[in-house]
Protein backbone atom coordinates (compact mmCIF):
# COMPACT_ATOMS: atom_id res chain seq x y z
CA MET A 1 36.63 -29.34 80.41
CA ALA A 2 34.09 -29.58 77.62
CA ALA A 3 34.70 -31.92 74.78
CA SER A 4 34.68 -30.30 71.40
CA SER A 5 34.00 -31.93 68.11
CA THR A 6 35.00 -30.75 64.74
CA SER A 7 33.48 -31.70 61.45
CA ALA A 8 34.88 -31.27 58.01
CA TRP A 9 33.61 -28.21 56.23
CA ALA A 10 31.64 -29.01 53.10
CA GLY A 11 30.72 -26.34 50.61
CA TRP A 12 27.54 -26.17 48.61
CA GLY A 13 27.35 -25.62 44.88
CA CYS A 14 24.62 -25.02 42.32
CA GLY A 15 24.61 -25.24 38.56
CA TYR A 16 22.47 -23.02 36.37
CA ASN A 17 21.48 -23.03 32.74
CA SER A 18 20.98 -19.97 30.54
CA ASN A 19 20.90 -18.91 26.94
CA ALA A 20 24.74 -19.00 27.05
CA GLY A 21 25.02 -22.46 28.58
CA VAL A 22 25.86 -23.88 31.97
CA GLY A 23 27.42 -21.93 34.83
CA ARG A 24 27.96 -22.85 38.44
CA VAL A 25 29.07 -21.73 41.88
CA TRP A 26 30.92 -23.71 44.52
CA ALA A 27 32.15 -23.49 48.13
CA ALA A 28 29.08 -21.63 49.35
CA GLU A 29 28.17 -21.75 53.04
CA ASP A 30 24.77 -23.36 52.48
CA GLU A 31 22.30 -24.27 49.75
CA ASP A 32 20.42 -20.96 49.89
CA THR A 33 23.66 -19.00 49.47
CA ALA A 34 24.70 -21.24 46.56
CA ARG A 35 21.32 -20.77 44.84
CA GLU A 36 21.45 -17.01 45.31
CA GLY A 37 25.03 -16.88 44.03
CA ALA A 38 24.21 -18.92 40.94
CA MET A 39 21.23 -16.75 40.03
CA ASN A 40 23.17 -13.55 40.73
CA ASN A 41 26.03 -14.70 38.49
CA CYS A 42 23.61 -15.48 35.68
CA LYS A 43 21.69 -12.22 36.00
CA ASN A 44 24.79 -10.05 36.52
CA ALA A 45 26.20 -11.46 33.28
CA LYS A 46 22.95 -10.29 31.62
CA LEU A 47 22.12 -13.82 30.50
CA LYS A 48 18.59 -14.86 29.66
CA ASN A 49 16.47 -17.82 30.72
CA CYS A 50 18.42 -18.29 33.98
CA ARG A 51 17.32 -21.34 35.95
CA ILE A 52 18.89 -23.57 38.58
CA ILE A 53 19.71 -27.06 37.29
CA SER A 54 20.52 -28.58 40.68
CA CYS A 55 22.42 -28.01 43.92
CA SER A 56 24.65 -30.31 45.90
CA ALA A 57 26.70 -30.42 49.09
CA ASP A 58 30.41 -31.29 49.01
CA VAL A 59 31.19 -28.95 46.13
CA ASP A 60 34.31 -27.31 47.53
CA SER A 61 36.21 -26.47 44.34
CA MET A 62 35.89 -25.70 40.66
CA ALA A 63 37.00 -29.29 39.96
CA ASP A 64 34.11 -30.60 42.08
CA ALA A 65 31.69 -28.31 40.21
CA ASP A 66 33.11 -29.39 36.83
CA LYS A 67 32.29 -33.03 37.65
CA ILE A 68 28.64 -32.25 38.34
CA TRP A 69 27.96 -29.36 35.93
CA PRO A 70 30.49 -29.48 33.06
CA ARG A 71 31.19 -26.23 31.28
CA THR A 72 29.47 -25.64 27.96
CA LYS A 73 32.02 -26.11 25.17
CA GLY A 74 32.79 -23.00 23.16
CA ILE A 75 31.71 -20.58 25.90
CA GLU A 76 34.31 -18.33 27.53
CA TYR A 77 33.51 -17.92 31.20
CA THR A 78 34.19 -14.76 33.14
CA ARG A 79 33.52 -14.33 36.81
CA SER A 80 31.81 -11.22 38.11
CA GLY A 81 31.38 -9.91 41.60
CA PRO A 82 33.48 -10.80 44.62
CA ARG A 83 35.99 -13.52 43.96
CA CYS A 84 35.79 -16.44 46.33
CA GLY A 85 35.98 -20.19 46.34
CA GLY A 86 38.74 -20.46 43.77
CA PRO A 87 42.41 -21.28 44.25
CA GLY A 88 44.01 -18.64 46.46
CA GLU A 89 40.64 -16.99 47.16
CA PRO A 90 38.73 -16.85 50.43
CA ARG A 91 35.89 -19.28 51.04
CA CYS A 92 32.53 -17.93 49.83
């Protein structure tokens, strides 16, 4: 019998800045996926001056993302594209 080990799953997240403020993604499979998701969200929203602020492991939820990349006050956020990573949604 082979021994198996399990490790806790840790999602990746990235924050981005744009002309409309800060946005972010969380619960991505890896850093590259998180970076791609962040840039896609920014571009799909037709925002300008999109750039990655930073990325981090262990960003499994919106609350985790809020701690690292707080939302810009006064901006209403809408999510585009497939919904994942949020409460009741599949993992990204």
